[in-house]
């Protein structure tokens, strides 16, 4: 974890760190950003279009909001013809698989920024037989990534280039004890409404995402030609619509004096999308590799084993993509 206490590191990052503007060209590349109709994904999309991307796919649950976002990006950058809006609802496995199948028809796929997520402030609810936050933030996020691995690899080989798969995580992964990990079945415990600890469900989802990313990064084989770079990025505390909707008093107190603007926070996503070789398999904070402030290394294999079985039920044979 390093010698710097987590809270000191957090405030130093939020208040004293100047994040660099992204500058690397995306010319000739096809980039997907999920959850890009607002917030971090929207701002990252603007950066990437400005940096010359040949095709940007705005992957969104609400097509009307996606089209409005695309219009805003086009107006800001003057590049209307490079943006496409595709439907993707991560609360619906059929939608995830349909989206992935559509991606196989692309001429190339260079970068996937897995940004879509939810922070449920309302009552407990299920999506695809699991608690909604876990379905959207963990199961579907990784399912889509697994389904897109062959296309990312084939692009790297065919064009002898570096392709990128990056996940949007969060520093809040260390803010949960992950009590559900002690149960015989983690997923079963997480979908138990009577035992649900919804006040920390978002934190649990980000910890599970980090644990799975770490396992995935160790298991991925590299293409024969080119390279596939995988990373997970912590954008810090950002003034997103999701953060504004959070009823937590501490969040409301810190929001204006401490939280970053969405544009500044999105620089971390654009940096991860650049796929620098030193980011391979890394947790990124402030646009550079950083130690994970993580608890629960001992449950990594347990989480991965349960989710592997879940992904195979949804899309039989998907684990062979690794």
C-alpha atoms as a PDB file:
ATOM      1  CA  UNK A   1       0.000   0.000   0.000  1.00  0.00           C
ATOM      2  CA  UNK A   2       2.992   2.297   0.347  1.00  0.00           C
ATOM      3  CA  UNK A   3       3.843   4.667   3.182  1.00  0.00           C
ATOM      4  CA  UNK A   4       1.308   7.403   2.433  1.00  0.00           C
ATOM      5  CA  UNK A   5      -1.944   7.030   4.422  1.00  0.00           C
ATOM      6  CA  UNK A   6      -4.950   6.574   2.104  1.00  0.00           C
ATOM      7  CA  UNK A   7      -6.759   9.767   3.139  1.00  0.00           C
ATOM      8  CA  UNK A   8      -3.626  11.895   2.809  1.00  0.00           C
ATOM      9  CA  UNK A   9      -2.977  10.398  -0.608  1.00  0.00           C
ATOM     10  CA  UNK A  10      -6.583  11.104  -1.605  1.00  0.00           C
ATOM     11  CA  UNK A  11      -6.542  14.791  -0.670  1.00  0.00           C
ATOM     12  CA  UNK A  12      -3.100  15.303  -2.195  1.00  0.00           C
ATOM     13  CA  UNK A  13      -4.367  13.777  -5.425  1.00  0.00           C
ATOM     14  CA  UNK A  14      -7.603  15.761  -5.474  1.00  0.00           C
ATOM     15  CA  UNK A  15      -6.259  19.158  -4.421  1.00  0.00           C
ATOM     16  CA  UNK A  16      -2.589  19.320  -5.401  1.00  0.00           C
ATOM     17  CA  UNK A  17      -2.165  17.154  -8.502  1.00  0.00           C
ATOM     18  CA  UNK A  18      -2.390  18.731 -11.955  1.00  0.00           C
ATOM     19  CA  UNK A  19      -3.478  16.129 -14.488  1.00  0.00           C
ATOM     20  CA  UNK A  20      -1.916  16.477 -17.954  1.00  0.00           C
ATOM     21  CA  UNK A  21      -4.006  17.209 -21.007  1.00  0.00           C
ATOM     22  CA  UNK A  22      -4.120  14.144 -23.307  1.00  0.00           C
ATOM     23  CA  UNK A  23      -2.077  14.704 -26.458  1.00  0.00           C
ATOM     24  CA  UNK A  24      -1.486  11.346 -28.145  1.00  0.00           C
ATOM     25  CA  UNK A  25      -3.155  10.987 -31.548  1.00  0.00           C
ATOM     26  CA  UNK A  26      -5.938   8.442 -32.095  1.00  0.00           C
ATOM     27  CA  UNK A  27      -5.813   8.882 -35.874  1.00  0.00           C
ATOM     28  CA  UNK A  28      -6.804   5.744 -37.774  1.00  0.00           C
ATOM     29  CA  UNK A  29      -8.259   4.093 -34.668  1.00  0.00           C
ATOM     30  CA  UNK A  30     -11.718   2.839 -33.728  1.00  0.00           C
ATOM     31  CA  UNK A  31     -12.589   3.514 -30.086  1.00  0.00           C
ATOM     32  CA  UNK A  32     -15.563   2.388 -27.975  1.00  0.00           C
ATOM     33  CA  UNK A  33     -16.508   4.249 -24.798  1.00  0.00           C
ATOM     34  CA  UNK A  34     -19.375   2.727 -22.831  1.00  0.00           C
ATOM     35  CA  UNK A  35     -21.618   4.975 -20.768  1.00  0.00           C
ATOM     36  CA  UNK A  36     -20.584   8.043 -22.758  1.00  0.00           C
ATOM     37  CA  UNK A  37     -23.771  10.110 -22.916  1.00  0.00           C
ATOM     38  CA  UNK A  38     -22.717  12.140 -19.867  1.00  0.00           C
ATOM     39  CA  UNK A  39     -20.074  12.512 -17.183  1.00  0.00           C
ATOM     40  CA  UNK A  40     -16.610  11.019 -17.541  1.00  0.00           C
ATOM     41  CA  UNK A  41     -17.405   9.013 -20.655  1.00  0.00           C
ATOM     42  CA  UNK A  42     -18.782  12.054 -22.462  1.00  0.00           C
ATOM     43  CA  UNK A  43     -15.769  14.218 -21.624  1.00  0.00           C
ATOM     44  CA  UNK A  44     -13.319  11.444 -22.533  1.00  0.00           C
ATOM     45  CA  UNK A  45     -15.129  11.077 -25.851  1.00  0.00           C
ATOM     46  CA  UNK A  46     -14.583  14.769 -26.559  1.00  0.00           C
ATOM     47  CA  UNK A  47     -10.852  14.417 -25.894  1.00  0.00           C
ATOM     48  CA  UNK A  48     -10.543  11.384 -28.159  1.00  0.00           C
ATOM     49  CA  UNK A  49     -12.494  12.957 -31.028  1.00  0.00           C
ATOM     50  CA  UNK A  50     -10.376  16.101 -30.700  1.00  0.00           C
ATOM     51  CA  UNK A  51      -7.268  13.897 -30.925  1.00  0.00           C
ATOM     52  CA  UNK A  52      -8.226  12.618 -34.357  1.00  0.00           C
ATOM     53  CA  UNK A  53      -9.993   9.279 -33.831  1.00  0.00           C
ATOM     54  CA  UNK A  54     -11.314   7.801 -37.076  1.00  0.00           C
ATOM     55  CA  UNK A  55     -14.392   6.197 -35.480  1.00  0.00           C
ATOM     56  CA  UNK A  56     -15.828   6.733 -32.011  1.00  0.00           C
ATOM     57  CA  UNK A  57     -18.650   4.473 -30.855  1.00  0.00           C
ATOM     58  CA  UNK A  58     -20.745   6.076 -28.127  1.00  0.00           C
ATOM     59  CA  UNK A  59     -22.243   3.027 -26.367  1.00  0.00           C
ATOM     60  CA  UNK A  60     -25.299   4.034 -24.339  1.00  0.00           C
ATOM     61  CA  UNK A  61     -28.451   2.667 -22.739  1.00  0.00           C
ATOM     62  CA  UNK A  62     -30.598   5.607 -23.866  1.00  0.00           C
ATOM     63  CA  UNK A  63     -30.206   6.277 -27.595  1.00  0.00           C
ATOM     64  CA  UNK A  64     -31.823   9.721 -27.437  1.00  0.00           C
ATOM     65  CA  UNK A  65     -29.314  10.839 -24.803  1.00  0.00           C
ATOM     66  CA  UNK A  66     -26.544   9.241 -26.831  1.00  0.00           C
ATOM     67  CA  UNK A  67     -27.530  11.146 -29.962  1.00  0.00           C
ATOM     68  CA  UNK A  68     -27.690  14.392 -27.995  1.00  0.00           C
ATOM     69  CA  UNK A  69     -24.211  13.690 -26.618  1.00  0.00           C
ATOM     70  CA  UNK A  70     -22.902  12.957 -30.107  1.00  0.00           C
ATOM     71  CA  UNK A  71     -24.316  16.269 -31.347  1.00  0.00           C
ATOM     72  CA  UNK A  72     -22.610  18.116 -28.484  1.00  0.00           C
ATOM     73  CA  UNK A  73     -19.281  16.408 -29.180  1.00  0.00           C
ATOM     74  CA  UNK A  74     -19.571  17.158 -32.893  1.00  0.00           C
ATOM     75  CA  UNK A  75     -20.374  20.816 -32.199  1.00  0.00           C
ATOM     76  CA  UNK A  76     -17.415  21.147 -29.824  1.00  0.00           C
ATOM     77  CA  UNK A  77     -14.894  19.424 -32.101  1.00  0.00           C
ATOM     78  CA  UNK A  78     -16.225  20.109 -35.585  1.00  0.00           C
ATOM     79  CA  UNK A  79     -15.998  16.378 -36.378  1.00  0.00           C
ATOM     80  CA  UNK A  80     -19.510  15.037 -36.904  1.00  0.00           C
ATOM     81  CA  UNK A  81     -18.857  12.146 -39.296  1.00  0.00           C
ATOM     82  CA  UNK A  82     -16.632  10.077 -36.968  1.00  0.00           C
ATOM     83  CA  UNK A  83     -19.205   9.495 -34.188  1.00  0.00           C
ATOM     84  CA  UNK A  84     -21.657   6.597 -34.059  1.00  0.00           C
ATOM     85  CA  UNK A  85     -24.242   5.915 -31.343  1.00  0.00           C
ATOM     86  CA  UNK A  86     -24.876   2.256 -30.470  1.00  0.00           C
ATOM     87  CA  UNK A  87     -27.311   0.751 -27.967  1.00  0.00           C
ATOM     88  CA  UNK A  88     -25.863  -1.021 -24.922  1.00  0.00           C
ATOM     89  CA  UNK A  89     -27.806  -1.826 -21.746  1.00  0.00           C
ATOM     90  CA  UNK A  90     -25.572  -3.584 -19.237  1.00  0.00           C
ATOM     91  CA  UNK A  91     -28.571  -4.565 -17.128  1.00  0.00           C
ATOM     92  CA  UNK A  92     -29.570  -6.848 -20.024  1.00  0.00           C
ATOM     93  CA  UNK A  93     -27.231  -9.684 -21.049  1.00  0.00           C
ATOM     94  CA  UNK A  94     -28.931 -10.003 -24.449  1.00  0.00           C
ATOM     95  CA  UNK A  95     -28.077  -6.360 -25.137  1.00  0.00           C
ATOM     96  CA  UNK A  96     -24.442  -6.958 -24.154  1.00  0.00           C
ATOM     97  CA  UNK A  97     -24.164  -9.952 -26.488  1.00  0.00           C
ATOM     98  CA  UNK A  98     -25.903  -8.135 -29.347  1.00  0.00           C
ATOM     99  CA  UNK A  99     -23.521  -5.210 -28.970  1.00  0.00           C
ATOM    100  CA  UNK A 100     -20.486  -7.515 -28.930  1.00  0.00           C
ATOM    101  CA  UNK A 101     -21.704  -9.358 -32.031  1.00  0.00           C
ATOM    102  CA  UNK A 102     -22.099  -6.050 -33.838  1.00  0.00           C
ATOM    103  CA  UNK A 103     -18.520  -5.154 -32.917  1.00  0.00           C
ATOM    104  CA  UNK A 104     -17.218  -8.276 -34.666  1.00  0.00           C
ATOM    105  CA  UNK A 105     -18.266  -6.674 -37.976  1.00  0.00           C
ATOM    106  CA  UNK A 106     -16.055  -3.628 -37.439  1.00  0.00           C
ATOM    107  CA  UNK A 107     -13.044  -3.297 -39.702  1.00  0.00           C
ATOM    108  CA  UNK A 108     -10.902  -2.851 -36.595  1.00  0.00           C
ATOM    109  CA  UNK A 109     -11.235  -2.228 -32.859  1.00  0.00           C
ATOM    110  CA  UNK A 110      -8.334  -0.443 -31.197  1.00  0.00           C
ATOM    111  CA  UNK A 111      -9.579   0.769 -27.820  1.00  0.00           C
ATOM    112  CA  UNK A 112     -12.366  -0.165 -25.400  1.00  0.00           C
ATOM    113  CA  UNK A 113     -12.979   2.122 -22.424  1.00  0.00           C
ATOM    114  CA  UNK A 114     -15.312   0.190 -20.095  1.00  0.00           C
ATOM    115  CA  UNK A 115     -16.822   3.169 -18.318  1.00  0.00           C
ATOM    116  CA  UNK A 116     -20.546   2.350 -17.987  1.00  0.00           C
ATOM    117  CA  UNK A 117     -21.779   1.833 -14.462  1.00  0.00           C
ATOM    118  CA  UNK A 118     -24.490   2.552 -11.939  1.00  0.00           C
ATOM    119  CA  UNK A 119     -24.688   3.672  -8.334  1.00  0.00           C
ATOM    120  CA  UNK A 120     -28.098   2.604  -7.030  1.00  0.00           C
ATOM    121  CA  UNK A 121     -29.458   5.020  -4.427  1.00  0.00           C
ATOM    122  CA  UNK A 122     -32.981   3.658  -4.570  1.00  0.00           C
ATOM    123  CA  UNK A 123     -34.466   0.404  -3.283  1.00  0.00           C
ATOM    124  CA  UNK A 124     -32.832  -2.979  -3.790  1.00  0.00           C
ATOM    125  CA  UNK A 125     -33.533  -4.439  -7.224  1.00  0.00           C
ATOM    126  CA  UNK A 126     -32.422  -7.316  -9.410  1.00  0.00           C
ATOM    127  CA  UNK A 127     -31.270  -7.347 -13.019  1.00  0.00           C
ATOM    128  CA  UNK A 128     -30.723 -10.702 -14.724  1.00  0.00           C
ATOM    129  CA  UNK A 129     -31.194 -12.524 -11.381  1.00  0.00           C
ATOM    130  CA  UNK A 130     -28.372 -10.651  -9.622  1.00  0.00           C
ATOM    131  CA  UNK A 131     -28.395  -7.391  -7.685  1.00  0.00           C
ATOM    132  CA  UNK A 132     -28.484  -4.589 -10.273  1.00  0.00           C
ATOM    133  CA  UNK A 133     -25.238  -2.846  -9.239  1.00  0.00           C
ATOM    134  CA  UNK A 134     -23.289  -6.101  -9.486  1.00  0.00           C
ATOM    135  CA  UNK A 135     -24.888  -7.019 -12.818  1.00  0.00           C
ATOM    136  CA  UNK A 136     -24.073  -3.667 -14.422  1.00  0.00           C
ATOM    137  CA  UNK A 137     -20.744  -2.752 -12.802  1.00  0.00           C
ATOM    138  CA  UNK A 138     -19.138  -6.184 -12.626  1.00  0.00           C
ATOM    139  CA  UNK A 139     -20.754  -9.061 -14.511  1.00  0.00           C
ATOM    140  CA  UNK A 140     -21.715  -7.221 -17.707  1.00  0.00           C
ATOM    141  CA  UNK A 141     -18.646  -4.982 -17.749  1.00  0.00           C
ATOM    142  CA  UNK A 142     -16.342  -7.990 -17.763  1.00  0.00           C
ATOM    143  CA  UNK A 143     -18.623 -10.088 -19.965  1.00  0.00           C
ATOM    144  CA  UNK A 144     -18.485  -7.433 -22.686  1.00  0.00           C
ATOM    145  CA  UNK A 145     -14.716  -7.214 -22.348  1.00  0.00           C
ATOM    146  CA  UNK A 146     -14.329 -10.978 -22.680  1.00  0.00           C
ATOM    147  CA  UNK A 147     -16.550 -10.974 -25.764  1.00  0.00           C
ATOM    148  CA  UNK A 148     -14.478  -8.195 -27.363  1.00  0.00           C
ATOM    149  CA  UNK A 149     -11.056  -9.741 -26.686  1.00  0.00           C
ATOM    150  CA  UNK A 150     -10.902 -11.634 -30.018  1.00  0.00           C
ATOM    151  CA  UNK A 151     -11.571  -8.436 -31.988  1.00  0.00           C
ATOM    152  CA  UNK A 152      -8.982  -6.479 -30.020  1.00  0.00           C
ATOM    153  CA  UNK A 153      -6.444  -9.259 -30.557  1.00  0.00           C
ATOM    154  CA  UNK A 154      -7.144  -9.645 -34.279  1.00  0.00           C
ATOM    155  CA  UNK A 155      -6.759  -5.881 -34.750  1.00  0.00           C
ATOM    156  CA  UNK A 156      -3.408  -5.954 -32.960  1.00  0.00           C
ATOM    157  CA  UNK A 157      -2.199  -8.824 -35.160  1.00  0.00           C
ATOM    158  CA  UNK A 158      -3.571  -7.583 -38.467  1.00  0.00           C
ATOM    159  CA  UNK A 159      -2.328  -4.017 -38.060  1.00  0.00           C
ATOM    160  CA  UNK A 160       0.747  -4.818 -35.934  1.00  0.00           C
ATOM    161  CA  UNK A 161      -0.371  -2.219 -33.441  1.00  0.00           C
ATOM    162  CA  UNK A 162      -1.146  -1.775 -29.764  1.00  0.00           C
ATOM    163  CA  UNK A 163      -4.791  -2.253 -28.760  1.00  0.00           C
ATOM    164  CA  UNK A 164      -6.227  -1.249 -25.405  1.00  0.00           C
ATOM    165  CA  UNK A 165      -8.813  -2.532 -22.936  1.00  0.00           C
ATOM    166  CA  UNK A 166      -9.197  -0.266 -19.929  1.00  0.00           C
ATOM    167  CA  UNK A 167     -11.719  -0.374 -17.087  1.00  0.00           C
ATOM    168  CA  UNK A 168     -12.939   2.567 -15.023  1.00  0.00           C
ATOM    169  CA  UNK A 169     -12.494   1.651 -11.387  1.00  0.00           C
ATOM    170  CA  UNK A 170     -12.471   3.823  -8.270  1.00  0.00           C
ATOM    171  CA  UNK A 171     -10.399   4.437  -5.159  1.00  0.00           C
ATOM    172  CA  UNK A 172     -13.498   3.476  -3.127  1.00  0.00           C
ATOM    173  CA  UNK A 173     -12.588  -0.189  -3.577  1.00  0.00           C
ATOM    174  CA  UNK A 174     -10.648   0.022  -0.293  1.00  0.00           C
ATOM    175  CA  UNK A 175     -13.625   1.495   1.591  1.00  0.00           C
ATOM    176  CA  UNK A 176     -15.465  -1.787   2.111  1.00  0.00           C
ATOM    177  CA  UNK A 177     -14.786  -4.822   4.268  1.00  0.00           C
ATOM    178  CA  UNK A 178     -16.593  -6.951   1.640  1.00  0.00           C
ATOM    179  CA  UNK A 179     -18.471  -8.993   4.241  1.00  0.00           C
ATOM    180  CA  UNK A 180     -20.237 -10.917   1.472  1.00  0.00           C
ATOM    181  CA  UNK A 181     -16.948 -12.580   0.540  1.00  0.00           C
ATOM    182  CA  UNK A 182     -17.235 -14.748   3.656  1.00  0.00           C
ATOM    183  CA  UNK A 183     -20.403 -16.427   2.384  1.00  0.00           C
ATOM    184  CA  UNK A 184     -20.322 -19.770   0.598  1.00  0.00           C
ATOM    185  CA  UNK A 185     -21.615 -18.021  -2.521  1.00  0.00           C
ATOM    186  CA  UNK A 186     -20.716 -14.348  -2.916  1.00  0.00           C
ATOM    187  CA  UNK A 187     -23.250 -13.691  -5.676  1.00  0.00           C
ATOM    188  CA  UNK A 188     -26.022 -15.405  -3.728  1.00  0.00           C
ATOM    189  CA  UNK A 189     -25.259 -13.290  -0.673  1.00  0.00           C
ATOM    190  CA  UNK A 190     -25.191 -10.118  -2.788  1.00  0.00           C
ATOM    191  CA  UNK A 191     -28.660 -10.854  -4.171  1.00  0.00           C
ATOM    192  CA  UNK A 192     -30.095 -11.540  -0.706  1.00  0.00           C
ATOM    193  CA  UNK A 193     -32.261  -8.459  -0.167  1.00  0.00           C
ATOM    194  CA  UNK A 194     -32.664  -9.033   3.573  1.00  0.00           C
ATOM    195  CA  UNK A 195     -28.889  -9.072   4.116  1.00  0.00           C
ATOM    196  CA  UNK A 196     -28.064  -6.373   1.557  1.00  0.00           C
ATOM    197  CA  UNK A 197     -25.644  -3.661   2.679  1.00  0.00           C
ATOM    198  CA  UNK A 198     -26.641  -1.227  -0.054  1.00  0.00           C
ATOM    199  CA  UNK A 199     -24.801   1.716   1.506  1.00  0.00           C
ATOM    200  CA  UNK A 200     -21.533   0.106   0.377  1.00  0.00           C
ATOM    201  CA  UNK A 201     -22.699  -1.857  -2.658  1.00  0.00           C
ATOM    202  CA  UNK A 202     -20.988   0.516  -5.122  1.00  0.00           C
ATOM    203  CA  UNK A 203     -17.711   0.109  -3.224  1.00  0.00           C
ATOM    204  CA  UNK A 204     -18.108  -3.679  -3.302  1.00  0.00           C
ATOM    205  CA  UNK A 205     -18.742  -3.583  -7.041  1.00  0.00           C
ATOM    206  CA  UNK A 206     -15.564  -1.591  -7.658  1.00  0.00           C
ATOM    207  CA  UNK A 207     -13.538  -3.963  -5.470  1.00  0.00           C
ATOM    208  CA  UNK A 208     -14.903  -6.974  -7.353  1.00  0.00           C
ATOM    209  CA  UNK A 209     -14.091  -5.269 -10.658  1.00  0.00           C
ATOM    210  CA  UNK A 210     -10.518  -4.632  -9.515  1.00  0.00           C
ATOM    211  CA  UNK A 211     -10.053  -8.211  -8.298  1.00  0.00           C
ATOM    212  CA  UNK A 212     -11.352  -9.594 -11.592  1.00  0.00           C
ATOM    213  CA  UNK A 213      -9.249  -7.174 -13.632  1.00  0.00           C
ATOM    214  CA  UNK A 214      -6.156  -8.264 -11.750  1.00  0.00           C
ATOM    215  CA  UNK A 215      -6.901 -11.928 -12.431  1.00  0.00           C
ATOM    216  CA  UNK A 216      -7.703 -11.223 -16.073  1.00  0.00           C
ATOM    217  CA  UNK A 217      -4.454  -9.304 -16.562  1.00  0.00           C
ATOM    218  CA  UNK A 218      -2.427 -12.255 -15.273  1.00  0.00           C
ATOM    219  CA  UNK A 219      -4.222 -14.763 -17.501  1.00  0.00           C
ATOM    220  CA  UNK A 220      -4.301 -12.859 -20.782  1.00  0.00           C
ATOM    221  CA  UNK A 221      -1.972 -14.135 -23.463  1.00  0.00           C
ATOM    222  CA  UNK A 222      -0.492 -11.641 -25.897  1.00  0.00           C
ATOM    223  CA  UNK A 223      -1.177 -11.679 -29.651  1.00  0.00           C
ATOM    224  CA  UNK A 224       1.556 -13.066 -31.902  1.00  0.00           C
ATOM    225  CA  UNK A 225       1.989  -9.604 -33.439  1.00  0.00           C
ATOM    226  CA  UNK A 226       1.082  -6.294 -31.867  1.00  0.00           C
ATOM    227  CA  UNK A 227       0.071  -5.982 -28.237  1.00  0.00           C
ATOM    228  CA  UNK A 228      -3.032  -5.807 -26.054  1.00  0.00           C
ATOM    229  CA  UNK A 229      -2.640  -3.444 -23.102  1.00  0.00           C
ATOM    230  CA  UNK A 230      -5.053  -3.783 -20.188  1.00  0.00           C
ATOM    231  CA  UNK A 231      -5.434  -1.399 -17.263  1.00  0.00           C
ATOM    232  CA  UNK A 232      -7.892  -0.116 -14.682  1.00  0.00           C
ATOM    233  CA  UNK A 233      -8.115   3.599 -13.952  1.00  0.00           C
ATOM    234  CA  UNK A 234      -9.135   5.530 -10.857  1.00  0.00           C
ATOM    235  CA  UNK A 235     -10.429   8.942 -12.012  1.00  0.00           C
ATOM    236  CA  UNK A 236     -10.695  10.226  -8.444  1.00  0.00           C
ATOM    237  CA  UNK A 237     -13.731  12.032  -7.060  1.00  0.00           C
ATOM    238  CA  UNK A 238     -15.445  13.769  -9.965  1.00  0.00           C
ATOM    239  CA  UNK A 239     -18.477  16.055 -10.319  1.00  0.00           C
ATOM    240  CA  UNK A 240     -20.510  13.603 -12.370  1.00  0.00           C
ATOM    241  CA  UNK A 241     -24.308  13.220 -12.464  1.00  0.00           C
ATOM    242  CA  UNK A 242     -23.813   9.998 -10.475  1.00  0.00           C
ATOM    243  CA  UNK A 243     -21.949  11.870  -7.729  1.00  0.00           C
ATOM    244  CA  UNK A 244     -24.530  14.675  -7.637  1.00  0.00           C
ATOM    245  CA  UNK A 245     -27.276  12.119  -7.028  1.00  0.00           C
ATOM    246  CA  UNK A 246     -25.477  10.586  -4.034  1.00  0.00           C
ATOM    247  CA  UNK A 247     -27.445  11.306  -0.823  1.00  0.00           C
ATOM    248  CA  UNK A 248     -24.423  10.713   1.451  1.00  0.00           C
ATOM    249  CA  UNK A 249     -23.770  13.813   3.590  1.00  0.00           C
ATOM    250  CA  UNK A 250     -19.974  13.501   3.365  1.00  0.00           C
ATOM    251  CA  UNK A 251     -20.140  13.389  -0.436  1.00  0.00           C
ATOM    252  CA  UNK A 252     -22.272  16.536  -0.450  1.00  0.00           C
ATOM    253  CA  UNK A 253     -19.825  18.339   1.856  1.00  0.00           C
ATOM    254  CA  UNK A 254     -16.794  17.422  -0.271  1.00  0.00           C
ATOM    255  CA  UNK A 255     -18.463  17.849  -3.674  1.00  0.00           C
ATOM    256  CA  UNK A 256     -17.664  21.490  -4.464  1.00  0.00           C
ATOM    257  CA  UNK A 257     -14.353  22.071  -2.616  1.00  0.00           C
ATOM    258  CA  UNK A 258     -12.683  18.731  -3.384  1.00  0.00           C
ATOM    259  CA  UNK A 259     -14.216  16.983  -6.392  1.00  0.00           C
ATOM    260  CA  UNK A 260     -12.653  17.385  -9.839  1.00  0.00           C
ATOM    261  CA  UNK A 261     -14.567  18.672 -12.834  1.00  0.00           C
ATOM    262  CA  UNK A 262     -15.661  15.964 -15.253  1.00  0.00           C
ATOM    263  CA  UNK A 263     -13.258  17.317 -17.874  1.00  0.00           C
ATOM    264  CA  UNK A 264     -10.271  17.036 -15.536  1.00  0.00           C
ATOM    265  CA  UNK A 265     -11.325  13.585 -14.331  1.00  0.00           C
ATOM    266  CA  UNK A 266     -11.798  12.388 -17.902  1.00  0.00           C
ATOM    267  CA  UNK A 267      -8.144  13.044 -18.660  1.00  0.00           C
ATOM    268  CA  UNK A 268      -7.387   9.884 -16.699  1.00  0.00           C
ATOM    269  CA  UNK A 269      -9.608   7.850 -19.053  1.00  0.00           C
ATOM    270  CA  UNK A 270      -8.029   9.371 -22.158  1.00  0.00           C
ATOM    271  CA  UNK A 271      -4.562   8.651 -20.744  1.00  0.00           C
ATOM    272  CA  UNK A 272      -5.481   5.010 -20.095  1.00  0.00           C
ATOM    273  CA  UNK A 273      -6.897   4.769 -23.629  1.00  0.00           C
ATOM    274  CA  UNK A 274      -3.514   5.799 -25.010  1.00  0.00           C
ATOM    275  CA  UNK A 275      -2.206   2.397 -23.921  1.00  0.00           C
ATOM    276  CA  UNK A 276       1.302   3.282 -22.788  1.00  0.00           C
ATOM    277  CA  UNK A 277       3.345   0.109 -22.325  1.00  0.00           C
ATOM    278  CA  UNK A 278       4.062   0.872 -18.659  1.00  0.00           C
ATOM    279  CA  UNK A 279       0.304   0.729 -17.951  1.00  0.00           C
ATOM    280  CA  UNK A 280      -0.034  -2.970 -18.817  1.00  0.00           C
ATOM    281  CA  UNK A 281      -1.818  -4.772 -15.981  1.00  0.00           C
ATOM    282  CA  UNK A 282      -1.694  -1.650 -13.833  1.00  0.00           C
ATOM    283  CA  UNK A 283      -4.005   0.282 -11.544  1.00  0.00           C
ATOM    284  CA  UNK A 284      -3.725   3.892 -12.729  1.00  0.00           C
ATOM    285  CA  UNK A 285      -4.125   6.958 -10.547  1.00  0.00           C
ATOM    286  CA  UNK A 286      -3.389  10.544 -11.638  1.00  0.00           C
ATOM    287  CA  UNK A 287      -2.359   9.284 -15.097  1.00  0.00           C
ATOM    288  CA  UNK A 288       0.352   6.935 -13.845  1.00  0.00           C
ATOM    289  CA  UNK A 289       0.677   3.442 -12.361  1.00  0.00           C
ATOM    290  CA  UNK A 290      -0.025   3.402  -8.635  1.00  0.00           C
ATOM    291  CA  UNK A 291      -0.195   0.799  -5.851  1.00  0.00           C
ATOM    292  CA  UNK A 292      -3.742  -0.427  -5.244  1.00  0.00           C
ATOM    293  CA  UNK A 293      -5.151   0.469  -1.859  1.00  0.00           C
ATOM    294  CA  UNK A 294      -6.901  -2.866  -1.873  1.00  0.00           C
ATOM    295  CA  UNK A 295      -8.216  -5.290   0.684  1.00  0.00           C
ATOM    296  CA  UNK A 296      -9.292  -8.796  -0.130  1.00  0.00           C
ATOM    297  CA  UNK A 297      -6.478 -10.327  -2.160  1.00  0.00           C
ATOM    298  CA  UNK A 298      -7.350 -13.661  -0.568  1.00  0.00           C
ATOM    299  CA  UNK A 299     -10.821 -13.618  -2.124  1.00  0.00           C
ATOM    300  CA  UNK A 300      -9.663 -12.813  -5.653  1.00  0.00           C
ATOM    301  CA  UNK A 301      -9.693 -16.437  -6.785  1.00  0.00           C
ATOM    302  CA  UNK A 302     -13.080 -17.028  -5.139  1.00  0.00           C
ATOM    303  CA  UNK A 303     -14.643 -14.034  -6.921  1.00  0.00           C
ATOM    304  CA  UNK A 304     -13.080 -15.030 -10.241  1.00  0.00           C
ATOM    305  CA  UNK A 305     -14.242 -18.644  -9.951  1.00  0.00           C
ATOM    306  CA  UNK A 306     -17.846 -17.639  -9.226  1.00  0.00           C
ATOM    307  CA  UNK A 307     -17.952 -15.092 -12.020  1.00  0.00           C
ATOM    308  CA  UNK A 308     -16.319 -17.449 -14.500  1.00  0.00           C
ATOM    309  CA  UNK A 309     -19.217 -19.848 -13.954  1.00  0.00           C
ATOM    310  CA  UNK A 310     -21.679 -16.967 -14.376  1.00  0.00           C
ATOM    311  CA  UNK A 311     -20.121 -15.786 -17.665  1.00  0.00           C
ATOM    312  CA  UNK A 312     -20.101 -19.331 -19.027  1.00  0.00           C
ATOM    313  CA  UNK A 313     -23.827 -19.633 -18.278  1.00  0.00           C
ATOM    314  CA  UNK A 314     -24.523 -16.382 -20.129  1.00  0.00           C
ATOM    315  CA  UNK A 315     -22.190 -16.986 -23.079  1.00  0.00           C
ATOM    316  CA  UNK A 316     -20.945 -20.599 -23.205  1.00  0.00           C
ATOM    317  CA  UNK A 317     -17.294 -20.823 -24.240  1.00  0.00           C
ATOM    318  CA  UNK A 318     -16.522 -17.166 -23.531  1.00  0.00           C
ATOM    319  CA  UNK A 319     -13.618 -17.999 -21.203  1.00  0.00           C
ATOM    320  CA  UNK A 320     -11.769 -19.506 -24.156  1.00  0.00           C
ATOM    321  CA  UNK A 321     -11.359 -15.933 -25.422  1.00  0.00           C
ATOM    322  CA  UNK A 322      -8.687 -15.357 -22.809  1.00  0.00           C
END
